[in-house]
Each structure stands twice: as C-alpha cells, then as structure tokens.
N, C-alpha and C. Protein backbone atom coordinates (compact mmCIF):
# COMPACT_ATOMS: atom_id res chain seq x y z
N MET A 1 37.37 6.70 2.44
CA MET A 1 36.02 6.82 3.00
C MET A 1 35.01 6.18 2.03
N SER A 2 34.26 5.20 2.51
CA SER A 2 33.31 4.51 1.65
C SER A 2 32.06 5.37 1.44
N MET A 3 31.47 5.23 0.26
CA MET A 3 30.28 6.01 -0.07
C MET A 3 29.04 5.37 0.54
N ILE A 4 28.02 6.20 0.78
CA ILE A 4 26.77 5.73 1.38
C ILE A 4 25.87 5.18 0.27
N PRO A 5 25.47 3.91 0.36
CA PRO A 5 24.62 3.34 -0.69
C PRO A 5 23.17 3.81 -0.57
N ILE A 6 22.62 4.25 -1.68
CA ILE A 6 21.27 4.81 -1.73
C ILE A 6 20.43 4.08 -2.77
N LEU A 7 19.16 3.91 -2.44
CA LEU A 7 18.20 3.38 -3.41
C LEU A 7 17.15 4.46 -3.69
N LEU A 8 16.90 4.71 -4.98
CA LEU A 8 15.94 5.74 -5.40
C LEU A 8 14.61 5.10 -5.80
N ALA A 9 13.52 5.72 -5.36
CA ALA A 9 12.18 5.22 -5.71
C ALA A 9 11.33 6.38 -6.21
N ASP A 10 11.06 6.39 -7.50
CA ASP A 10 10.22 7.42 -8.10
C ASP A 10 9.74 6.89 -9.45
N ASP A 11 8.48 7.17 -9.80
CA ASP A 11 7.96 6.62 -11.05
C ASP A 11 8.35 7.43 -12.27
N HIS A 12 9.09 8.52 -12.09
CA HIS A 12 9.57 9.31 -13.22
C HIS A 12 11.07 9.12 -13.37
N CYS A 13 11.49 8.54 -14.49
CA CYS A 13 12.90 8.26 -14.73
C CYS A 13 13.74 9.53 -14.67
N ILE A 14 13.25 10.61 -15.23
CA ILE A 14 14.04 11.84 -15.28
C ILE A 14 14.24 12.43 -13.89
N VAL A 15 13.29 12.20 -12.98
CA VAL A 15 13.46 12.65 -11.60
C VAL A 15 14.56 11.84 -10.93
N ARG A 16 14.53 10.53 -11.13
CA ARG A 16 15.58 9.69 -10.54
C ARG A 16 16.95 10.09 -11.07
N GLU A 17 17.02 10.38 -12.36
CA GLU A 17 18.30 10.78 -12.94
C GLU A 17 18.80 12.09 -12.35
N GLY A 18 17.87 13.03 -12.15
CA GLY A 18 18.25 14.32 -11.56
C GLY A 18 18.76 14.18 -10.14
N VAL A 19 18.07 13.38 -9.34
CA VAL A 19 18.47 13.17 -7.95
C VAL A 19 19.82 12.44 -7.90
N LYS A 20 19.96 11.44 -8.76
CA LYS A 20 21.23 10.70 -8.82
C LYS A 20 22.39 11.63 -9.15
N LEU A 21 22.17 12.52 -10.11
CA LEU A 21 23.20 13.46 -10.52
C LEU A 21 23.60 14.36 -9.35
N ILE A 22 22.60 14.84 -8.61
CA ILE A 22 22.87 15.72 -7.46
C ILE A 22 23.66 14.98 -6.39
N LEU A 23 23.21 13.80 -6.02
CA LEU A 23 23.82 13.08 -4.89
C LEU A 23 25.21 12.55 -5.23
N GLU A 24 25.37 12.00 -6.42
CA GLU A 24 26.67 11.41 -6.77
C GLU A 24 27.72 12.47 -7.09
N SER A 25 27.29 13.72 -7.28
CA SER A 25 28.26 14.80 -7.53
C SER A 25 29.13 15.07 -6.30
N THR A 26 28.69 14.60 -5.13
CA THR A 26 29.42 14.85 -3.88
C THR A 26 30.50 13.82 -3.61
N ASN A 27 30.46 12.68 -4.32
CA ASN A 27 31.35 11.56 -4.03
C ASN A 27 31.16 11.00 -2.63
N GLU A 28 30.00 11.30 -2.02
CA GLU A 28 29.67 10.75 -0.70
C GLU A 28 28.60 9.67 -0.81
N PHE A 29 27.81 9.73 -1.89
CA PHE A 29 26.68 8.82 -2.05
C PHE A 29 26.83 8.02 -3.34
N GLN A 30 26.36 6.79 -3.31
CA GLN A 30 26.35 5.95 -4.51
C GLN A 30 24.96 5.34 -4.66
N VAL A 31 24.33 5.59 -5.80
CA VAL A 31 23.02 5.00 -6.07
C VAL A 31 23.23 3.55 -6.49
N VAL A 32 22.74 2.63 -5.67
CA VAL A 32 22.95 1.19 -5.92
C VAL A 32 21.73 0.52 -6.54
N GLY A 33 20.61 1.26 -6.61
CA GLY A 33 19.42 0.68 -7.21
C GLY A 33 18.33 1.71 -7.40
N GLU A 34 17.40 1.41 -8.29
CA GLU A 34 16.28 2.29 -8.58
C GLU A 34 15.02 1.47 -8.78
N VAL A 35 13.89 1.98 -8.31
CA VAL A 35 12.60 1.34 -8.58
C VAL A 35 11.60 2.41 -9.00
N SER A 36 10.60 1.99 -9.79
CA SER A 36 9.59 2.93 -10.28
C SER A 36 8.19 2.59 -9.77
N HIS A 37 8.11 1.57 -8.91
CA HIS A 37 6.81 1.12 -8.41
C HIS A 37 6.96 0.72 -6.95
N GLY A 38 5.99 1.14 -6.12
CA GLY A 38 6.08 0.87 -4.70
C GLY A 38 6.15 -0.60 -4.35
N ASP A 39 5.53 -1.45 -5.17
CA ASP A 39 5.53 -2.89 -4.88
C ASP A 39 6.90 -3.53 -5.10
N GLU A 40 7.80 -2.82 -5.78
CA GLU A 40 9.14 -3.36 -6.04
C GLU A 40 10.14 -3.00 -4.93
N LEU A 41 9.73 -2.11 -4.04
CA LEU A 41 10.69 -1.48 -3.13
C LEU A 41 11.30 -2.45 -2.12
N ILE A 42 10.48 -3.21 -1.43
CA ILE A 42 11.00 -4.07 -0.36
C ILE A 42 11.97 -5.10 -0.92
N ASP A 43 11.62 -5.73 -2.05
CA ASP A 43 12.53 -6.71 -2.66
C ASP A 43 13.86 -6.06 -3.06
N ALA A 44 13.78 -4.84 -3.59
CA ALA A 44 14.99 -4.13 -4.01
C ALA A 44 15.87 -3.80 -2.80
N VAL A 45 15.25 -3.42 -1.70
CA VAL A 45 16.00 -3.11 -0.48
C VAL A 45 16.72 -4.34 0.05
N LEU A 46 16.03 -5.46 0.08
CA LEU A 46 16.64 -6.69 0.59
C LEU A 46 17.77 -7.17 -0.32
N LYS A 47 17.65 -6.89 -1.62
CA LYS A 47 18.67 -7.31 -2.57
C LYS A 47 19.86 -6.35 -2.60
N LYS A 48 19.60 -5.05 -2.64
CA LYS A 48 20.66 -4.05 -2.81
C LYS A 48 21.27 -3.60 -1.49
N LYS A 49 20.54 -3.76 -0.38
CA LYS A 49 21.01 -3.40 0.96
C LYS A 49 21.51 -1.95 1.06
N PRO A 50 20.67 -0.98 0.71
CA PRO A 50 21.07 0.43 0.85
C PRO A 50 21.07 0.86 2.32
N HIS A 51 21.82 1.91 2.60
CA HIS A 51 21.77 2.53 3.93
C HIS A 51 20.62 3.53 3.99
N LEU A 52 20.29 4.10 2.80
CA LEU A 52 19.32 5.18 2.72
C LEU A 52 18.41 4.99 1.50
N ILE A 53 17.12 5.21 1.70
CA ILE A 53 16.15 5.21 0.60
C ILE A 53 15.66 6.63 0.39
N VAL A 54 15.63 7.06 -0.86
CA VAL A 54 15.06 8.35 -1.22
C VAL A 54 13.86 8.07 -2.10
N SER A 55 12.67 8.39 -1.60
CA SER A 55 11.45 7.97 -2.29
C SER A 55 10.46 9.11 -2.47
N ASP A 56 9.76 9.06 -3.60
CA ASP A 56 8.62 9.94 -3.82
C ASP A 56 7.51 9.57 -2.84
N LEU A 57 6.68 10.54 -2.49
CA LEU A 57 5.56 10.27 -1.59
C LEU A 57 4.42 9.59 -2.33
N MET A 58 4.14 10.03 -3.55
CA MET A 58 3.04 9.50 -4.34
C MET A 58 3.58 8.76 -5.56
N MET A 59 3.51 7.46 -5.54
CA MET A 59 3.92 6.68 -6.70
C MET A 59 3.04 5.43 -6.78
N PRO A 60 3.00 4.77 -7.93
CA PRO A 60 2.13 3.60 -8.07
C PRO A 60 2.48 2.50 -7.07
N GLY A 61 1.47 1.71 -6.71
CA GLY A 61 1.70 0.59 -5.82
C GLY A 61 1.68 0.98 -4.35
N THR A 62 2.28 0.16 -3.52
CA THR A 62 2.32 0.38 -2.08
C THR A 62 3.05 1.68 -1.77
N SER A 63 2.47 2.51 -0.92
CA SER A 63 3.06 3.81 -0.61
C SER A 63 4.32 3.65 0.24
N ILE A 64 5.17 4.64 0.18
CA ILE A 64 6.39 4.61 0.98
C ILE A 64 6.07 4.61 2.47
N LEU A 65 4.93 5.19 2.85
CA LEU A 65 4.55 5.22 4.26
C LEU A 65 4.26 3.80 4.76
N GLU A 66 3.59 3.01 3.95
CA GLU A 66 3.34 1.61 4.32
C GLU A 66 4.62 0.79 4.24
N ASN A 67 5.38 1.00 3.19
CA ASN A 67 6.62 0.25 3.00
C ASN A 67 7.62 0.53 4.12
N CYS A 68 7.65 1.78 4.59
CA CYS A 68 8.62 2.18 5.60
C CYS A 68 8.49 1.32 6.85
N LYS A 69 7.27 1.14 7.31
CA LYS A 69 7.05 0.35 8.53
C LYS A 69 7.55 -1.08 8.34
N GLN A 70 7.24 -1.68 7.20
CA GLN A 70 7.65 -3.06 6.93
C GLN A 70 9.17 -3.18 6.82
N MET A 71 9.78 -2.23 6.12
CA MET A 71 11.22 -2.29 5.89
C MET A 71 11.99 -2.11 7.19
N LYS A 72 11.51 -1.22 8.06
CA LYS A 72 12.24 -0.97 9.30
C LYS A 72 12.06 -2.10 10.31
N GLU A 73 11.01 -2.88 10.13
CA GLU A 73 10.88 -4.08 10.95
C GLU A 73 11.95 -5.10 10.56
N LYS A 74 12.27 -5.15 9.26
CA LYS A 74 13.28 -6.09 8.77
C LYS A 74 14.69 -5.53 8.95
N ILE A 75 14.85 -4.20 8.72
CA ILE A 75 16.17 -3.56 8.80
C ILE A 75 16.04 -2.28 9.63
N PRO A 76 16.14 -2.37 10.95
CA PRO A 76 15.91 -1.22 11.83
C PRO A 76 16.83 -0.02 11.57
N GLU A 77 18.05 -0.30 11.08
CA GLU A 77 19.01 0.79 10.87
C GLU A 77 18.79 1.53 9.55
N LEU A 78 17.85 1.07 8.72
CA LEU A 78 17.57 1.70 7.43
C LEU A 78 17.02 3.11 7.62
N LYS A 79 17.48 4.03 6.78
CA LYS A 79 17.01 5.42 6.81
C LYS A 79 16.17 5.68 5.56
N VAL A 80 15.10 6.47 5.74
CA VAL A 80 14.18 6.75 4.62
C VAL A 80 13.90 8.25 4.53
N VAL A 81 14.14 8.81 3.37
CA VAL A 81 13.84 10.22 3.11
C VAL A 81 12.77 10.31 2.02
N VAL A 82 11.74 11.10 2.27
CA VAL A 82 10.73 11.38 1.26
C VAL A 82 11.15 12.64 0.50
N LEU A 83 11.22 12.52 -0.82
CA LEU A 83 11.50 13.65 -1.71
C LEU A 83 10.23 13.87 -2.52
N THR A 84 9.53 14.95 -2.24
CA THR A 84 8.17 15.09 -2.75
C THR A 84 7.87 16.50 -3.23
N ALA A 85 6.78 16.61 -3.98
CA ALA A 85 6.29 17.92 -4.42
C ALA A 85 5.24 18.47 -3.46
N PHE A 86 4.88 17.71 -2.42
CA PHE A 86 3.79 18.09 -1.53
C PHE A 86 4.33 18.56 -0.18
N ALA A 87 3.89 19.75 0.24
CA ALA A 87 4.46 20.36 1.45
C ALA A 87 3.45 20.58 2.56
N ASN A 88 2.27 19.95 2.48
CA ASN A 88 1.28 20.25 3.52
C ASN A 88 1.59 19.50 4.82
N ASN A 89 1.17 20.09 5.93
CA ASN A 89 1.51 19.57 7.26
C ASN A 89 0.94 18.18 7.50
N GLN A 90 -0.20 17.87 6.90
CA GLN A 90 -0.81 16.56 7.10
C GLN A 90 0.09 15.45 6.55
N ASP A 91 0.66 15.70 5.36
CA ASP A 91 1.58 14.71 4.79
C ASP A 91 2.82 14.54 5.65
N ILE A 92 3.32 15.66 6.17
CA ILE A 92 4.52 15.60 7.01
C ILE A 92 4.24 14.81 8.29
N GLN A 93 3.09 15.06 8.90
CA GLN A 93 2.73 14.33 10.12
C GLN A 93 2.59 12.83 9.86
N LYS A 94 1.96 12.49 8.74
CA LYS A 94 1.82 11.07 8.39
C LYS A 94 3.19 10.43 8.19
N ALA A 95 4.10 11.18 7.55
CA ALA A 95 5.45 10.67 7.32
C ALA A 95 6.17 10.41 8.63
N MET A 96 6.06 11.34 9.56
CA MET A 96 6.73 11.18 10.85
C MET A 96 6.17 9.98 11.61
N LEU A 97 4.85 9.81 11.58
CA LEU A 97 4.22 8.70 12.29
C LEU A 97 4.58 7.35 11.66
N SER A 98 4.93 7.37 10.40
CA SER A 98 5.26 6.14 9.68
C SER A 98 6.72 5.75 9.83
N GLY A 99 7.51 6.59 10.49
CA GLY A 99 8.91 6.28 10.70
C GLY A 99 9.86 6.86 9.68
N ILE A 100 9.35 7.78 8.85
CA ILE A 100 10.21 8.45 7.87
C ILE A 100 11.23 9.31 8.62
N ASP A 101 12.48 9.33 8.13
CA ASP A 101 13.56 10.05 8.80
C ASP A 101 13.77 11.47 8.26
N GLY A 102 13.36 11.70 7.02
CA GLY A 102 13.57 13.01 6.42
C GLY A 102 12.51 13.33 5.39
N TYR A 103 12.28 14.61 5.15
CA TYR A 103 11.22 15.05 4.23
C TYR A 103 11.72 16.34 3.58
N VAL A 104 11.90 16.30 2.27
CA VAL A 104 12.42 17.46 1.55
C VAL A 104 11.67 17.62 0.23
N LEU A 105 11.53 18.85 -0.20
CA LEU A 105 10.75 19.13 -1.41
C LEU A 105 11.59 19.03 -2.68
N LYS A 106 10.93 18.62 -3.76
CA LYS A 106 11.63 18.38 -5.01
C LYS A 106 12.22 19.64 -5.64
N ASP A 107 11.67 20.80 -5.31
CA ASP A 107 12.22 22.02 -5.91
C ASP A 107 13.24 22.69 -5.00
N SER A 108 13.71 21.96 -3.98
CA SER A 108 14.75 22.49 -3.11
C SER A 108 16.05 22.67 -3.88
N MET A 109 16.90 23.57 -3.40
CA MET A 109 18.21 23.72 -4.00
C MET A 109 18.99 22.41 -3.81
N PRO A 110 19.83 22.04 -4.78
CA PRO A 110 20.60 20.80 -4.66
C PRO A 110 21.35 20.67 -3.33
N GLN A 111 21.91 21.77 -2.84
CA GLN A 111 22.68 21.70 -1.59
C GLN A 111 21.78 21.34 -0.41
N GLN A 112 20.53 21.80 -0.44
CA GLN A 112 19.61 21.45 0.64
C GLN A 112 19.26 19.97 0.60
N ILE A 113 19.08 19.43 -0.60
CA ILE A 113 18.82 18.00 -0.73
C ILE A 113 20.01 17.20 -0.21
N ILE A 114 21.21 17.61 -0.59
CA ILE A 114 22.43 16.93 -0.13
C ILE A 114 22.55 17.00 1.38
N ASN A 115 22.32 18.18 1.95
CA ASN A 115 22.44 18.34 3.40
C ASN A 115 21.44 17.47 4.15
N THR A 116 20.22 17.35 3.60
CA THR A 116 19.22 16.48 4.22
C THR A 116 19.70 15.04 4.25
N MET A 117 20.27 14.58 3.14
CA MET A 117 20.77 13.20 3.09
C MET A 117 21.92 12.99 4.07
N ARG A 118 22.79 13.99 4.19
CA ARG A 118 23.91 13.87 5.13
C ARG A 118 23.41 13.75 6.57
N LEU A 119 22.46 14.61 6.93
CA LEU A 119 21.95 14.61 8.30
C LEU A 119 21.23 13.30 8.63
N VAL A 120 20.38 12.87 7.71
CA VAL A 120 19.64 11.63 7.94
C VAL A 120 20.59 10.44 8.01
N SER A 121 21.59 10.41 7.15
CA SER A 121 22.56 9.31 7.17
C SER A 121 23.32 9.27 8.49
N ALA A 122 23.49 10.44 9.10
CA ALA A 122 24.20 10.52 10.38
C ALA A 122 23.31 10.20 11.57
N GLY A 123 22.02 9.97 11.32
CA GLY A 123 21.13 9.56 12.39
C GLY A 123 20.16 10.62 12.88
N TYR A 124 20.13 11.77 12.20
CA TYR A 124 19.23 12.85 12.60
C TYR A 124 17.90 12.75 11.85
N LEU A 125 16.84 13.29 12.46
CA LEU A 125 15.59 13.50 11.74
C LEU A 125 15.67 14.87 11.08
N CYS A 126 15.25 14.96 9.83
CA CYS A 126 15.39 16.22 9.11
C CYS A 126 14.16 16.44 8.22
N PHE A 127 13.29 17.34 8.66
CA PHE A 127 12.08 17.65 7.92
C PHE A 127 12.16 19.10 7.47
N GLN A 128 12.11 19.31 6.16
CA GLN A 128 12.30 20.65 5.60
C GLN A 128 11.33 21.63 6.25
N PRO A 129 11.86 22.68 6.89
CA PRO A 129 10.99 23.57 7.66
C PRO A 129 10.37 24.72 6.90
N ASN A 130 11.02 25.15 5.82
CA ASN A 130 10.63 26.43 5.23
C ASN A 130 9.58 26.26 4.15
N HIS A 131 8.35 25.94 4.56
CA HIS A 131 7.29 25.71 3.58
C HIS A 131 6.77 27.00 2.96
N GLU A 132 6.88 28.12 3.66
CA GLU A 132 6.36 29.38 3.14
C GLU A 132 7.12 29.80 1.88
N THR A 133 8.46 29.62 1.93
CA THR A 133 9.27 29.95 0.76
C THR A 133 8.84 29.13 -0.45
N CYS A 134 8.58 27.86 -0.22
CA CYS A 134 8.16 26.99 -1.31
C CYS A 134 6.82 27.43 -1.88
N LYS A 135 5.92 27.85 -0.98
CA LYS A 135 4.60 28.28 -1.44
C LYS A 135 4.73 29.54 -2.29
N ASN A 136 5.63 30.43 -1.91
CA ASN A 136 5.82 31.64 -2.69
C ASN A 136 6.33 31.32 -4.08
N LYS A 137 7.25 30.36 -4.17
CA LYS A 137 7.75 29.94 -5.48
C LYS A 137 6.62 29.38 -6.33
N ALA A 138 5.77 28.61 -5.70
CA ALA A 138 4.68 27.97 -6.43
C ALA A 138 3.70 29.00 -6.98
N ASN A 139 3.58 30.13 -6.29
CA ASN A 139 2.65 31.16 -6.72
C ASN A 139 3.22 32.04 -7.83
N HIS A 140 4.51 31.90 -8.09
CA HIS A 140 5.13 32.70 -9.14
C HIS A 140 4.67 32.18 -10.50
N GLU A 141 4.09 33.06 -11.30
CA GLU A 141 3.52 32.61 -12.57
C GLU A 141 4.59 32.42 -13.64
N ILE A 142 4.54 31.28 -14.28
CA ILE A 142 5.43 30.98 -15.39
C ILE A 142 4.55 30.74 -16.61
N HIS A 143 4.77 31.52 -17.64
CA HIS A 143 3.93 31.43 -18.84
C HIS A 143 4.66 30.64 -19.93
N LEU A 144 4.21 29.42 -20.17
CA LEU A 144 4.75 28.59 -21.25
C LEU A 144 3.74 28.55 -22.39
N THR A 145 4.26 28.53 -23.60
CA THR A 145 3.37 28.40 -24.75
C THR A 145 2.82 26.97 -24.82
N GLU A 146 1.80 26.79 -25.63
CA GLU A 146 1.22 25.46 -25.79
C GLU A 146 2.26 24.46 -26.29
N ARG A 147 3.09 24.89 -27.24
CA ARG A 147 4.14 24.01 -27.77
C ARG A 147 5.19 23.70 -26.70
N GLU A 148 5.55 24.70 -25.90
CA GLU A 148 6.53 24.47 -24.83
C GLU A 148 6.00 23.45 -23.81
N LEU A 149 4.73 23.58 -23.47
CA LEU A 149 4.12 22.62 -22.54
C LEU A 149 4.12 21.21 -23.13
N GLN A 150 3.81 21.14 -24.42
CA GLN A 150 3.79 19.86 -25.11
C GLN A 150 5.17 19.20 -25.06
N ILE A 151 6.20 19.99 -25.33
CA ILE A 151 7.57 19.48 -25.30
C ILE A 151 8.00 19.14 -23.88
N PHE A 152 7.60 19.99 -22.92
CA PHE A 152 7.96 19.79 -21.52
C PHE A 152 7.41 18.45 -21.01
N ARG A 153 6.19 18.11 -21.41
CA ARG A 153 5.59 16.84 -20.98
C ARG A 153 6.39 15.65 -21.54
N LEU A 154 6.92 15.81 -22.74
CA LEU A 154 7.72 14.74 -23.34
C LEU A 154 9.11 14.66 -22.69
N VAL A 155 9.63 15.81 -22.28
CA VAL A 155 10.88 15.82 -21.51
C VAL A 155 10.68 15.06 -20.21
N LYS A 156 9.53 15.26 -19.57
CA LYS A 156 9.20 14.55 -18.34
C LYS A 156 9.17 13.04 -18.56
N GLU A 157 8.78 12.62 -19.77
CA GLU A 157 8.76 11.19 -20.10
C GLU A 157 10.15 10.66 -20.45
N ASN A 158 11.15 11.54 -20.33
CA ASN A 158 12.56 11.19 -20.55
C ASN A 158 12.92 10.98 -22.01
N LEU A 159 12.16 11.62 -22.92
CA LEU A 159 12.51 11.59 -24.33
C LEU A 159 13.63 12.59 -24.60
N ASN A 160 14.56 12.24 -25.48
CA ASN A 160 15.60 13.19 -25.85
C ASN A 160 15.10 14.09 -26.98
N ASN A 161 15.92 15.05 -27.39
CA ASN A 161 15.48 16.03 -28.39
C ASN A 161 15.10 15.37 -29.71
N GLN A 162 15.87 14.39 -30.13
CA GLN A 162 15.58 13.71 -31.40
C GLN A 162 14.25 12.97 -31.32
N GLU A 163 14.01 12.29 -30.22
CA GLU A 163 12.76 11.54 -30.05
C GLU A 163 11.56 12.48 -30.00
N ILE A 164 11.73 13.63 -29.33
CA ILE A 164 10.64 14.62 -29.27
C ILE A 164 10.36 15.16 -30.67
N ALA A 165 11.40 15.46 -31.41
CA ALA A 165 11.24 15.98 -32.78
C ALA A 165 10.46 14.99 -33.64
N GLN A 166 10.80 13.70 -33.53
CA GLN A 166 10.10 12.68 -34.30
C GLN A 166 8.65 12.54 -33.87
N ARG A 167 8.41 12.65 -32.58
CA ARG A 167 7.04 12.51 -32.06
C ARG A 167 6.14 13.65 -32.53
N LEU A 168 6.71 14.88 -32.59
CA LEU A 168 5.90 16.06 -32.91
C LEU A 168 6.05 16.51 -34.37
N PHE A 169 6.87 15.77 -35.13
CA PHE A 169 7.08 16.11 -36.55
C PHE A 169 7.62 17.52 -36.73
N ILE A 170 8.62 17.85 -35.88
CA ILE A 170 9.31 19.14 -36.00
C ILE A 170 10.80 18.86 -36.02
N SER A 171 11.61 19.89 -36.30
CA SER A 171 13.05 19.68 -36.37
C SER A 171 13.66 19.61 -34.97
N GLU A 172 14.80 18.95 -34.89
CA GLU A 172 15.51 18.85 -33.61
C GLU A 172 15.96 20.23 -33.13
N ALA A 173 16.33 21.10 -34.08
CA ALA A 173 16.74 22.47 -33.72
C ALA A 173 15.59 23.22 -33.06
N THR A 174 14.37 23.02 -33.56
CA THR A 174 13.20 23.66 -32.96
C THR A 174 12.98 23.16 -31.53
N VAL A 175 13.17 21.88 -31.33
CA VAL A 175 13.04 21.31 -29.98
C VAL A 175 14.06 21.96 -29.05
N LYS A 176 15.32 22.05 -29.50
CA LYS A 176 16.38 22.66 -28.68
C LYS A 176 16.02 24.09 -28.29
N THR A 177 15.45 24.82 -29.23
CA THR A 177 15.06 26.21 -28.95
C THR A 177 13.99 26.26 -27.87
N HIS A 178 13.00 25.40 -27.97
CA HIS A 178 11.92 25.38 -26.97
C HIS A 178 12.43 24.91 -25.60
N VAL A 179 13.31 23.93 -25.59
CA VAL A 179 13.86 23.45 -24.31
C VAL A 179 14.66 24.56 -23.65
N SER A 180 15.44 25.28 -24.42
CA SER A 180 16.21 26.40 -23.88
C SER A 180 15.28 27.46 -23.27
N SER A 181 14.16 27.71 -23.95
CA SER A 181 13.17 28.67 -23.46
C SER A 181 12.55 28.17 -22.15
N ILE A 182 12.26 26.88 -22.07
CA ILE A 182 11.67 26.29 -20.86
C ILE A 182 12.63 26.45 -19.68
N LEU A 183 13.91 26.17 -19.90
CA LEU A 183 14.90 26.30 -18.84
C LEU A 183 15.02 27.75 -18.39
N ARG A 184 14.99 28.67 -19.34
CA ARG A 184 15.10 30.09 -19.00
C ARG A 184 13.88 30.54 -18.19
N LYS A 185 12.69 30.14 -18.61
CA LYS A 185 11.46 30.58 -17.92
C LYS A 185 11.32 29.96 -16.53
N THR A 186 11.78 28.73 -16.38
CA THR A 186 11.68 28.08 -15.06
C THR A 186 12.87 28.43 -14.17
N GLY A 187 13.90 29.01 -14.77
CA GLY A 187 15.07 29.40 -13.98
C GLY A 187 15.89 28.21 -13.51
N GLN A 188 15.85 27.11 -14.26
CA GLN A 188 16.55 25.89 -13.86
C GLN A 188 17.73 25.63 -14.79
N PRO A 189 18.81 24.98 -14.26
CA PRO A 189 20.03 24.80 -15.04
C PRO A 189 20.00 23.65 -16.04
N ASN A 190 19.09 22.69 -15.84
CA ASN A 190 19.06 21.54 -16.74
C ASN A 190 17.66 20.93 -16.77
N ARG A 191 17.46 19.96 -17.67
CA ARG A 191 16.14 19.38 -17.88
C ARG A 191 15.61 18.69 -16.63
N ALA A 192 16.47 17.94 -15.94
CA ALA A 192 16.03 17.20 -14.76
C ALA A 192 15.54 18.15 -13.67
N GLN A 193 16.30 19.20 -13.41
CA GLN A 193 15.91 20.17 -12.39
C GLN A 193 14.63 20.91 -12.80
N ALA A 194 14.47 21.17 -14.09
CA ALA A 194 13.27 21.84 -14.57
C ALA A 194 12.04 20.98 -14.33
N VAL A 195 12.15 19.67 -14.57
CA VAL A 195 11.03 18.77 -14.34
C VAL A 195 10.69 18.69 -12.85
N LEU A 196 11.72 18.58 -11.99
CA LEU A 196 11.49 18.56 -10.55
C LEU A 196 10.74 19.81 -10.10
N TYR A 197 11.18 20.95 -10.60
CA TYR A 197 10.54 22.22 -10.24
C TYR A 197 9.12 22.28 -10.77
N ALA A 198 8.90 21.86 -12.01
CA ALA A 198 7.58 21.95 -12.63
C ALA A 198 6.57 21.07 -11.92
N ILE A 199 7.01 19.89 -11.46
CA ILE A 199 6.12 19.00 -10.71
C ILE A 199 5.71 19.68 -9.42
N LYS A 200 6.65 20.33 -8.75
CA LYS A 200 6.36 20.98 -7.48
C LYS A 200 5.32 22.11 -7.64
N VAL A 201 5.52 22.95 -8.65
CA VAL A 201 4.65 24.13 -8.79
C VAL A 201 3.40 23.84 -9.61
N GLY A 202 3.25 22.61 -10.08
CA GLY A 202 2.02 22.24 -10.77
C GLY A 202 2.00 22.53 -12.25
N LEU A 203 3.16 22.78 -12.85
CA LEU A 203 3.20 23.00 -14.29
C LEU A 203 3.00 21.69 -15.05
N LEU A 204 3.46 20.59 -14.45
CA LEU A 204 3.35 19.27 -15.10
C LEU A 204 2.54 18.33 -14.22
C-alpha cells in the first residue's frame, strides 16, 4: 500500500516537525515537502505533487484561503486541511467557502489529527466540531515562571537545549529542568506538542 504524499505549510519549524512526527508514525502518510511562507506554496505543490496539503491558517505571505482556490483550479483532486489555533465560526465559514476540505485545531489529540487526514484523503469534508471542549482547555490556567516562558519561546524557535543555554548564559542541565517543568505544566508528551498546545491557548 503506497503512502499518501503530504505537503506541510507553517511558519514555525517545530510545528511542522510535530505534525510530521504524528502523521508519519502511522506509515500511511509521507511528508514530501515543507514551506514556511504562503508565497512558496503553489510552486511547492506543482513541484512535489502532494495529494494533501496541511497548512496553518495564519502565516506570512498569501493566505491558504487564497492559495486554495488557485491550487484547486490547477489540481482539482488536491485536498487541503487547515491545522490552526483559531476555532471561531467565521474562520471556519471562510475556509469552507474557499474550498478547504478539512479544519482541525493544533491542540487536538494526535489521533484526531490523523483521523481528519484519513477522512479528507478519502474524499470527505471534515471540520472539527467540538469547539466547546477546545475553549474549555484554553481557559485552563497554566502558570509558567518568567524563565520558563523565556525558554519556551526559544523552544518555539526550534533551538535545542544547548543553544538555549548559550543564548541565556545558563547551564544545559538548567534548561532541561525548565523544559521538563514546561511539559509537566502543559500536560504534553514532547516539545513539539507543547508548542502546538501553547499556540492554541495563547501562552506563546
């Protein structure tokens, strides 16, 4: 069984890495390309020929909503899923009118993200319905120290522990301790998932 080729579009490298890790863990999807700017998307699609695009809603350059219309004119069978931190109905309606096939939130459980990709790849429209649950998560208070927030922002920039230690003039062991605390407080299993969650709830 051949894997479904996917192209990722997000301006945060660590988000792309997290999504790639989730999707490729199934052995059903293969990430064939990545872009960090909306203006790069159409050229990348024509070159890489993905079956499915997974894109952030808000990123530099041409928006995915504008790109979607153009891309589907060139490749009608192309599927597009928005993976975003924004859950308001207005954004969802705009996505549907623009020809988006799926809409899922960045703090969704990995299995929900995978299921959305499976459904959309099979030809279904799939828009995440449970916005109330997401809102409740967003209202849950997470108290990070000033140093933890400082380190978390550098994690978002895809710096490793050694690079963070050098940037902040602290030991690598201290960085590891703070990262462990961040993961515990956010309830996430790894750095990529923690960043996805933090973007959704407004921590970053």
